[in-house]
């Protein structure tokens, strides 16, 4: 029977991480109108590598070391006589093995990598996702070009169904391929939108070696954060400076039911749910109910303030989450990030805390979630 690692005991787990770098090689051939060079970029487990190879008689090669299978970008410097619709990048998965790449007429849309099981898996999965991908490409392009804050949010909403389709295909792959590195790679992107039970289920379905890998331990940490922000856990006691410049500490609200509302000015469903929160606040404020909205607008506090004013929600408490993107990009600790302490990966997410500081409910999304929150508040604040 496969050993199951419990994320409940994460601090006690001694990870058997593979720390030895392993060699890989890529032998390439390109036919026809080839560029002068190809480039290969990847993370070797310790740092980001950017390598180049000169084309000689239609041949080129790369070699290096990696800690484990890893995604990479294969790209070209195109000569002027290649048509403008040629793709300049191909995404692939490297493995510690001898691999080959073939490219026809210098066109990276024809790139074929052989010798990597992870790449084979990814190619097959991407083919299954192609139907949704073709449909959302114009929306992605529109999102990249849209400067208006509200319009960009509306485009993200239109993208949601396509992302959900692809997400379901990714989860299907994870369920059916417990030993595949691609399952671990996909899990990194899926765990943020999973419930606690689903996250545990999918993580524990992975092989022990994947769970104990460097990426596996990162996922286990995320699941532990989600658990810390779920019913049955004591709420993390954060301190912030609120929107009015006043100090705010969660513990100061002991004795009340507190709803932590994780949102952002650019989040369309968050903004759409604000009128409902206003109704709840008016209904239960005098019965010992408080709302603290935690905004994901650290990089645009002006938009945050404008949204609070426009939606008329300044009647309750507001703070920024404390995200330091520079630390996030360097994978450095960011203890001021309130969202991390509650395992927040999607907006809106709402967490209800009882008068003793215990989390008693967690909601995400909208629609039917409103009904669940309404019923919970009615039950605990009926007196």
Protein backbone atom coordinates (compact mmCIF):
# COMPACT_ATOMS: atom_id res chain seq x y z
CA UNK A 1 0.00 0.00 0.00
CA UNK A 2 1.32 3.45 -0.89
CA UNK A 3 2.44 5.50 2.10
CA UNK A 4 0.27 8.55 2.75
CA UNK A 5 1.85 11.74 4.07
CA UNK A 6 -0.49 13.69 6.32
CA UNK A 7 -0.28 17.42 5.82
CA UNK A 8 -1.58 17.72 9.38
CA UNK A 9 1.88 16.76 10.61
CA UNK A 10 3.85 18.75 8.09
CA UNK A 11 6.35 20.17 10.64
CA UNK A 12 7.23 16.61 11.67
CA UNK A 13 7.82 15.35 8.15
CA UNK A 14 11.46 14.89 7.26
CA UNK A 15 11.54 15.26 3.50
CA UNK A 16 13.80 12.89 1.61
CA UNK A 17 14.62 15.46 -1.02
CA UNK A 18 16.65 14.52 -4.06
CA UNK A 19 19.49 17.04 -3.92
CA UNK A 20 21.84 15.59 -6.52
CA UNK A 21 21.89 17.28 -9.91
CA UNK A 22 21.36 14.88 -12.81
CA UNK A 23 22.68 15.29 -16.33
CA UNK A 24 20.52 15.85 -19.40
CA UNK A 25 21.31 16.34 -23.05
CA UNK A 26 19.33 17.54 -26.06
CA UNK A 27 20.45 16.77 -29.60
CA UNK A 28 18.64 18.87 -32.15
CA UNK A 29 18.12 18.93 -35.89
CA UNK A 30 16.45 21.68 -37.90
CA UNK A 31 15.56 21.55 -41.57
CA UNK A 32 15.17 24.33 -44.11
CA UNK A 33 15.30 27.98 -43.22
CA UNK A 34 16.79 27.83 -39.74
CA UNK A 35 17.76 30.70 -37.41
CA UNK A 36 21.35 31.31 -36.34
CA UNK A 37 20.80 30.22 -32.73
CA UNK A 38 18.39 28.48 -30.45
CA UNK A 39 17.96 29.22 -26.75
CA UNK A 40 16.93 26.96 -23.87
CA UNK A 41 15.78 28.45 -20.55
CA UNK A 42 14.92 26.44 -17.45
CA UNK A 43 15.32 26.25 -13.68
CA UNK A 44 17.84 23.62 -12.63
CA UNK A 45 16.49 23.51 -9.07
CA UNK A 46 19.00 26.03 -7.80
CA UNK A 47 18.93 28.88 -10.29
CA UNK A 48 17.47 29.99 -13.62
CA UNK A 49 19.57 28.94 -16.61
CA UNK A 50 19.64 30.60 -20.04
CA UNK A 51 21.69 28.59 -22.54
CA UNK A 52 22.27 29.04 -26.27
CA UNK A 53 23.32 26.79 -29.13
CA UNK A 54 24.62 27.78 -32.56
CA UNK A 55 23.17 25.96 -35.57
CA UNK A 56 25.84 24.14 -37.57
CA UNK A 57 24.81 22.17 -40.66
CA UNK A 58 21.26 21.96 -39.32
CA UNK A 59 22.36 20.57 -35.97
CA UNK A 60 22.62 21.95 -32.45
CA UNK A 61 22.86 20.61 -28.90
CA UNK A 62 22.29 21.52 -25.27
CA UNK A 63 23.54 19.85 -22.09
CA UNK A 64 23.20 20.59 -18.41
CA UNK A 65 22.02 19.34 -15.06
CA UNK A 66 18.63 19.48 -13.37
CA UNK A 67 17.29 18.38 -10.01
CA UNK A 68 14.16 16.78 -11.42
CA UNK A 69 11.95 16.99 -14.52
CA UNK A 70 11.38 20.66 -15.18
CA UNK A 71 9.53 22.93 -17.64
CA UNK A 72 11.64 24.85 -20.10
CA UNK A 73 11.33 27.38 -22.91
CA UNK A 74 12.91 26.62 -26.29
CA UNK A 75 13.19 29.78 -28.37
CA UNK A 76 14.82 31.18 -31.52
CA UNK A 77 16.33 34.33 -32.91
CA UNK A 78 14.44 34.49 -36.21
CA UNK A 79 16.04 35.72 -39.42
CA UNK A 80 14.20 38.36 -41.45
CA UNK A 81 13.15 36.03 -44.25
CA UNK A 82 10.95 33.97 -41.97
CA UNK A 83 7.30 34.99 -42.06
CA UNK A 84 5.93 36.93 -39.13
CA UNK A 85 3.43 34.27 -38.11
CA UNK A 86 6.12 31.79 -37.07
CA UNK A 87 6.01 31.01 -33.38
CA UNK A 88 9.16 32.04 -31.55
CA UNK A 89 8.81 29.87 -28.46
CA UNK A 90 8.01 26.26 -27.64
CA UNK A 91 7.25 25.09 -24.12
CA UNK A 92 8.55 21.68 -23.14
CA UNK A 93 9.53 19.50 -20.20
CA UNK A 94 13.15 18.45 -19.74
CA UNK A 95 14.11 15.24 -17.96
CA UNK A 96 17.50 13.90 -16.78
CA UNK A 97 17.96 11.84 -19.93
CA UNK A 98 19.25 11.95 -23.49
CA UNK A 99 16.58 13.75 -25.53
CA UNK A 100 16.15 14.87 -29.13
CA UNK A 101 14.45 17.87 -30.74
CA UNK A 102 13.40 18.19 -34.36
CA UNK A 103 12.23 21.41 -36.00
CA UNK A 104 10.98 21.75 -39.56
CA UNK A 105 12.04 24.81 -41.57
CA UNK A 106 12.93 26.73 -38.42
CA UNK A 107 9.24 26.92 -37.43
CA UNK A 108 8.86 26.21 -33.71
CA UNK A 109 5.22 25.25 -34.15
CA UNK A 110 6.66 21.98 -35.53
CA UNK A 111 8.92 21.33 -32.52
CA UNK A 112 8.95 17.69 -31.40
CA UNK A 113 10.83 16.65 -28.25
CA UNK A 114 11.50 12.94 -27.77
CA UNK A 115 12.92 11.13 -24.76
CA UNK A 116 10.90 12.92 -22.07
CA UNK A 117 7.91 11.13 -20.61
CA UNK A 118 6.79 14.33 -18.88
CA UNK A 119 6.79 16.17 -22.19
CA UNK A 120 4.81 13.38 -23.84
CA UNK A 121 2.23 13.63 -21.07
CA UNK A 122 2.01 17.40 -21.40
CA UNK A 123 1.63 17.32 -25.20
CA UNK A 124 -1.28 14.90 -24.89
CA UNK A 125 -2.95 16.98 -22.18
CA UNK A 126 -2.53 20.22 -24.14
CA UNK A 127 -4.18 18.59 -27.14
CA UNK A 128 -7.19 17.78 -24.95
CA UNK A 129 -7.30 21.41 -23.77
CA UNK A 130 -6.95 22.90 -27.22
CA UNK A 131 -10.68 23.42 -27.80
CA UNK A 132 -11.01 25.74 -24.80
CA UNK A 133 -7.63 27.35 -25.43
CA UNK A 134 -8.51 28.40 -28.98
CA UNK A 135 -11.65 30.10 -27.72
CA UNK A 136 -10.05 32.07 -24.89
CA UNK A 137 -6.95 33.29 -26.77
CA UNK A 138 -8.74 36.42 -28.09
CA UNK A 139 -9.91 37.21 -24.55
CA UNK A 140 -6.38 36.80 -23.20
CA UNK A 141 -5.11 39.19 -25.85
CA UNK A 142 -7.85 41.66 -24.96
CA UNK A 143 -6.92 41.39 -21.26
CA UNK A 144 -3.26 42.10 -22.00
CA UNK A 145 -4.21 45.24 -23.92
CA UNK A 146 -6.97 46.51 -21.62
CA UNK A 147 -5.91 49.44 -19.44
CA UNK A 148 -9.27 50.16 -17.83
CA UNK A 149 -9.46 48.54 -14.36
CA UNK A 150 -13.15 47.60 -14.45
CA UNK A 151 -13.13 46.38 -18.06
CA UNK A 152 -10.15 44.14 -17.32
CA UNK A 153 -12.10 42.61 -14.44
CA UNK A 154 -15.04 41.90 -16.73
CA UNK A 155 -12.73 40.12 -19.18
CA UNK A 156 -11.39 37.94 -16.37
CA UNK A 157 -14.96 36.89 -15.65
CA UNK A 158 -15.45 35.86 -19.28
CA UNK A 159 -12.27 33.79 -19.07
CA UNK A 160 -13.43 31.87 -15.98
CA UNK A 161 -15.46 29.13 -17.75
CA UNK A 162 -12.57 28.30 -20.11
CA UNK A 163 -10.12 28.11 -17.22
CA UNK A 164 -12.55 25.84 -15.38
CA UNK A 165 -12.72 23.47 -18.35
CA UNK A 166 -8.93 23.23 -18.48
CA UNK A 167 -8.77 22.84 -14.72
CA UNK A 168 -11.07 19.82 -14.82
CA UNK A 169 -8.85 18.21 -17.47
CA UNK A 170 -5.78 18.83 -15.29
CA UNK A 171 -7.47 17.23 -12.28
CA UNK A 172 -8.51 14.25 -14.35
CA UNK A 173 -4.86 13.77 -15.34
CA UNK A 174 -3.73 13.93 -11.69
CA UNK A 175 -6.33 11.34 -10.67
CA UNK A 176 -5.21 8.95 -13.39
CA UNK A 177 -1.41 9.45 -13.16
CA UNK A 178 -0.23 9.18 -9.56
CA UNK A 179 3.44 8.71 -10.46
CA UNK A 180 3.78 11.31 -13.22
CA UNK A 181 5.87 14.41 -12.63
CA UNK A 182 3.31 16.35 -14.65
CA UNK A 183 0.71 15.54 -11.97
CA UNK A 184 2.90 17.26 -9.38
CA UNK A 185 3.45 20.22 -11.71
CA UNK A 186 -0.30 20.57 -12.35
CA UNK A 187 -1.07 20.25 -8.65
CA UNK A 188 0.92 23.44 -8.01
CA UNK A 189 -1.63 25.37 -10.07
CA UNK A 190 -4.75 23.50 -8.98
CA UNK A 191 -4.33 23.48 -5.20
CA UNK A 192 -5.24 27.16 -4.93
CA UNK A 193 -8.77 26.58 -6.20
CA UNK A 194 -9.43 23.35 -4.27
CA UNK A 195 -11.34 22.81 -1.07
CA UNK A 196 -9.29 21.48 1.84
CA UNK A 197 -10.67 17.95 1.43
CA UNK A 198 -10.00 17.96 -2.32
CA UNK A 199 -6.47 19.31 -1.86
CA UNK A 200 -5.68 16.54 0.63
CA UNK A 201 -7.24 13.91 -1.60
CA UNK A 202 -5.27 14.91 -4.69
CA UNK A 203 -2.01 15.41 -2.81
CA UNK A 204 -2.26 12.09 -1.00
CA UNK A 205 -2.98 10.35 -4.33
CA UNK A 206 0.52 11.29 -5.53
CA UNK A 207 3.38 8.86 -5.08
CA UNK A 208 5.51 9.22 -1.95
CA UNK A 209 8.52 10.36 -3.97
CA UNK A 210 6.49 13.19 -5.55
CA UNK A 211 5.06 14.23 -2.18
CA UNK A 212 8.53 14.42 -0.67
CA UNK A 213 10.11 16.30 -3.58
CA UNK A 214 10.95 19.99 -3.33
CA UNK A 215 7.77 20.99 -5.18
CA UNK A 216 5.76 18.45 -3.23
CA UNK A 217 6.76 20.01 0.06
CA UNK A 218 5.78 23.45 -1.24
CA UNK A 219 2.33 22.10 -2.06
CA UNK A 220 2.09 20.47 1.38
CA UNK A 221 2.85 23.87 2.91
CA UNK A 222 0.06 25.49 0.90
CA UNK A 223 -2.38 22.82 2.04
CA UNK A 224 -1.32 23.42 5.66
CA UNK A 225 -2.05 27.14 5.16
CA UNK A 226 -5.47 26.26 3.74
CA UNK A 227 -6.10 24.06 6.76
CA UNK A 228 -5.12 26.92 9.08
CA UNK A 229 -7.80 29.03 7.38
CA UNK A 230 -10.54 26.40 7.54
CA UNK A 231 -13.23 25.57 10.13
CA UNK A 232 -11.85 24.02 13.30
CA UNK A 233 -8.67 26.13 13.39
CA UNK A 234 -7.95 29.17 15.51
CA UNK A 235 -7.74 32.27 13.33
CA UNK A 236 -4.30 33.80 12.88
CA UNK A 237 -4.11 36.98 14.96
CA UNK A 238 -2.89 39.57 12.46
CA UNK A 239 -2.22 43.27 13.06
CA UNK A 240 -2.53 45.90 10.35
CA UNK A 241 -2.94 49.61 9.74
CA UNK A 242 -6.43 50.10 8.37
CA UNK A 243 -7.65 52.31 5.54
CA UNK A 244 -8.02 55.24 7.98
CA UNK A 245 -4.50 54.91 9.37
CA UNK A 246 -5.65 53.24 12.59
CA UNK A 247 -4.10 50.12 14.08
CA UNK A 248 -6.27 47.02 13.76
CA UNK A 249 -5.66 43.69 15.49
CA UNK A 250 -7.96 40.73 15.01
CA UNK A 251 -7.84 39.81 18.70
CA UNK A 252 -9.44 43.16 19.55
CA UNK A 253 -12.69 41.78 18.09
CA UNK A 254 -12.95 38.84 20.49
CA UNK A 255 -16.52 38.58 21.71
CA UNK A 256 -17.91 39.26 18.23
CA UNK A 257 -18.55 37.19 15.13
CA UNK A 258 -16.09 38.45 12.54
CA UNK A 259 -16.31 37.90 8.80
CA UNK A 260 -12.94 38.18 7.04
CA UNK A 261 -13.76 39.23 3.48
CA UNK A 262 -10.83 38.61 1.11
CA UNK A 263 -11.42 40.67 -2.02
CA UNK A 264 -9.88 43.13 -4.53
CA UNK A 265 -11.00 46.23 -6.38
CA UNK A 266 -10.48 44.44 -9.71
CA UNK A 267 -12.47 41.33 -8.68
CA UNK A 268 -15.87 41.50 -10.40
CA UNK A 269 -17.70 38.91 -8.22
CA UNK A 270 -16.24 40.56 -5.11
CA UNK A 271 -17.66 43.92 -6.09
CA UNK A 272 -20.96 42.34 -7.11
CA UNK A 273 -21.26 40.80 -3.64
CA UNK A 274 -20.69 44.05 -1.74
CA UNK A 275 -24.37 45.13 -1.72
CA UNK A 276 -25.25 41.82 -0.09
CA UNK A 277 -22.55 42.28 2.54
CA UNK A 278 -23.94 45.74 3.25
CA UNK A 279 -27.34 44.22 3.90
CA UNK A 280 -25.86 41.65 6.28
CA UNK A 281 -23.83 44.27 8.10
CA UNK A 282 -26.85 46.47 8.68
CA UNK A 283 -28.89 43.48 9.83
CA UNK A 284 -26.40 42.04 12.30
CA UNK A 285 -24.04 44.84 13.36
CA UNK A 286 -25.92 45.54 16.58
CA UNK A 287 -25.97 41.82 17.41
CA UNK A 288 -22.20 41.49 17.64
CA UNK A 289 -21.16 41.12 13.99
CA UNK A 290 -18.17 42.79 12.33
CA UNK A 291 -16.63 42.65 8.86
CA UNK A 292 -12.93 43.09 8.10
CA UNK A 293 -12.23 43.30 4.39
CA UNK A 294 -8.70 42.25 3.39
CA UNK A 295 -7.85 43.65 -0.03
CA UNK A 296 -5.45 42.23 -2.61
CA UNK A 297 -4.61 45.75 -3.80
CA UNK A 298 -1.19 46.31 -2.22
CA UNK A 299 0.23 47.36 -5.59
CA UNK A 300 -2.63 49.77 -6.28
CA UNK A 301 -3.92 51.29 -3.02
CA UNK A 302 -5.60 54.16 -4.88
CA UNK A 303 -7.87 51.69 -6.69
CA UNK A 304 -8.62 50.08 -3.31
CA UNK A 305 -9.68 53.36 -1.74
CA UNK A 306 -11.78 54.34 -4.75
CA UNK A 307 -13.58 50.97 -4.75
CA UNK A 308 -14.37 51.23 -1.03
CA UNK A 309 -15.82 54.69 -1.56
CA UNK A 310 -17.70 53.84 -4.75
CA UNK A 311 -19.30 50.70 -3.26
CA UNK A 312 -20.19 52.48 -0.01
CA UNK A 313 -18.53 49.84 2.15
CA UNK A 314 -16.44 52.12 4.30
CA UNK A 315 -18.84 51.41 7.19
CA UNK A 316 -16.76 48.40 8.20
CA UNK A 317 -13.03 47.75 8.59
CA UNK A 318 -10.59 47.61 5.66
CA UNK A 319 -6.93 46.56 5.43
CA UNK A 320 -4.49 45.52 2.72
CA UNK A 321 -3.25 41.92 2.74
CA UNK A 322 0.45 42.87 3.00
CA UNK A 323 1.74 41.20 -0.16
CA UNK A 324 5.40 41.93 -0.98
CA UNK A 325 5.74 40.86 -4.61
CA UNK A 326 9.54 41.17 -4.56
CA UNK A 327 9.72 38.64 -1.73
CA UNK A 328 7.15 36.43 -3.45
CA UNK A 329 9.19 36.30 -6.67
CA UNK A 330 12.33 35.37 -4.71
CA UNK A 331 10.38 32.81 -2.63
CA UNK A 332 11.33 34.66 0.55
CA UNK A 333 9.18 34.64 3.72
CA UNK A 334 6.48 37.32 3.80
CA UNK A 335 4.90 37.00 7.28
CA UNK A 336 2.95 40.24 6.78
CA UNK A 337 0.89 38.60 4.02
CA UNK A 338 -2.41 37.90 5.78
CA UNK A 339 -3.76 35.90 2.86
CA UNK A 340 -0.98 33.32 3.25
CA UNK A 341 -1.93 32.67 6.87
CA UNK A 342 -5.46 31.76 5.79
CA UNK A 343 -4.59 29.86 2.58
CA UNK A 344 -6.30 32.34 0.25
CA UNK A 345 -5.83 31.61 -3.44
CA UNK A 346 -9.08 32.77 -5.02
CA UNK A 347 -11.32 35.79 -4.61
CA UNK A 348 -13.74 36.34 -3.10
CA UNK A 349 -13.16 34.12 -0.08
CA UNK A 350 -14.94 34.77 3.22
CA UNK A 351 -14.03 33.28 6.59
CA UNK A 352 -16.36 33.46 9.60
CA UNK A 353 -14.77 33.56 13.06
CA UNK A 354 -16.65 33.02 16.33
CA UNK A 355 -16.30 35.17 19.49
CA UNK A 356 -13.50 32.92 20.81
CA UNK A 357 -11.40 33.34 17.66
CA UNK A 358 -12.24 29.95 16.14
CA UNK A 359 -12.95 29.64 12.41
CA UNK A 360 -16.45 28.18 12.00
CA UNK A 361 -17.11 28.61 8.25
CA UNK A 362 -15.38 29.34 4.95
CA UNK A 363 -17.03 30.45 1.71
CA UNK A 364 -15.80 31.21 -1.78
CA UNK A 365 -17.25 32.30 -5.09
CA UNK A 366 -20.71 33.81 -4.76
CA UNK A 367 -24.31 32.93 -5.66
CA UNK A 368 -25.18 29.89 -3.58
CA UNK A 369 -22.42 30.87 -1.15
CA UNK A 370 -24.54 33.89 -0.19
CA UNK A 371 -27.33 31.58 0.94
CA UNK A 372 -24.94 29.48 3.02
CA UNK A 373 -23.52 32.57 4.73
CA UNK A 374 -27.01 33.94 5.35
CA UNK A 375 -28.13 30.72 7.01
CA UNK A 376 -25.00 30.52 9.16
CA UNK A 377 -25.36 34.07 10.43
CA UNK A 378 -29.04 33.58 11.09
CA UNK A 379 -28.20 30.49 13.14
CA UNK A 380 -25.42 32.02 15.27
CA UNK A 381 -26.91 35.52 15.67
CA UNK A 382 -30.60 34.66 16.04
CA UNK A 383 -30.85 36.00 19.60
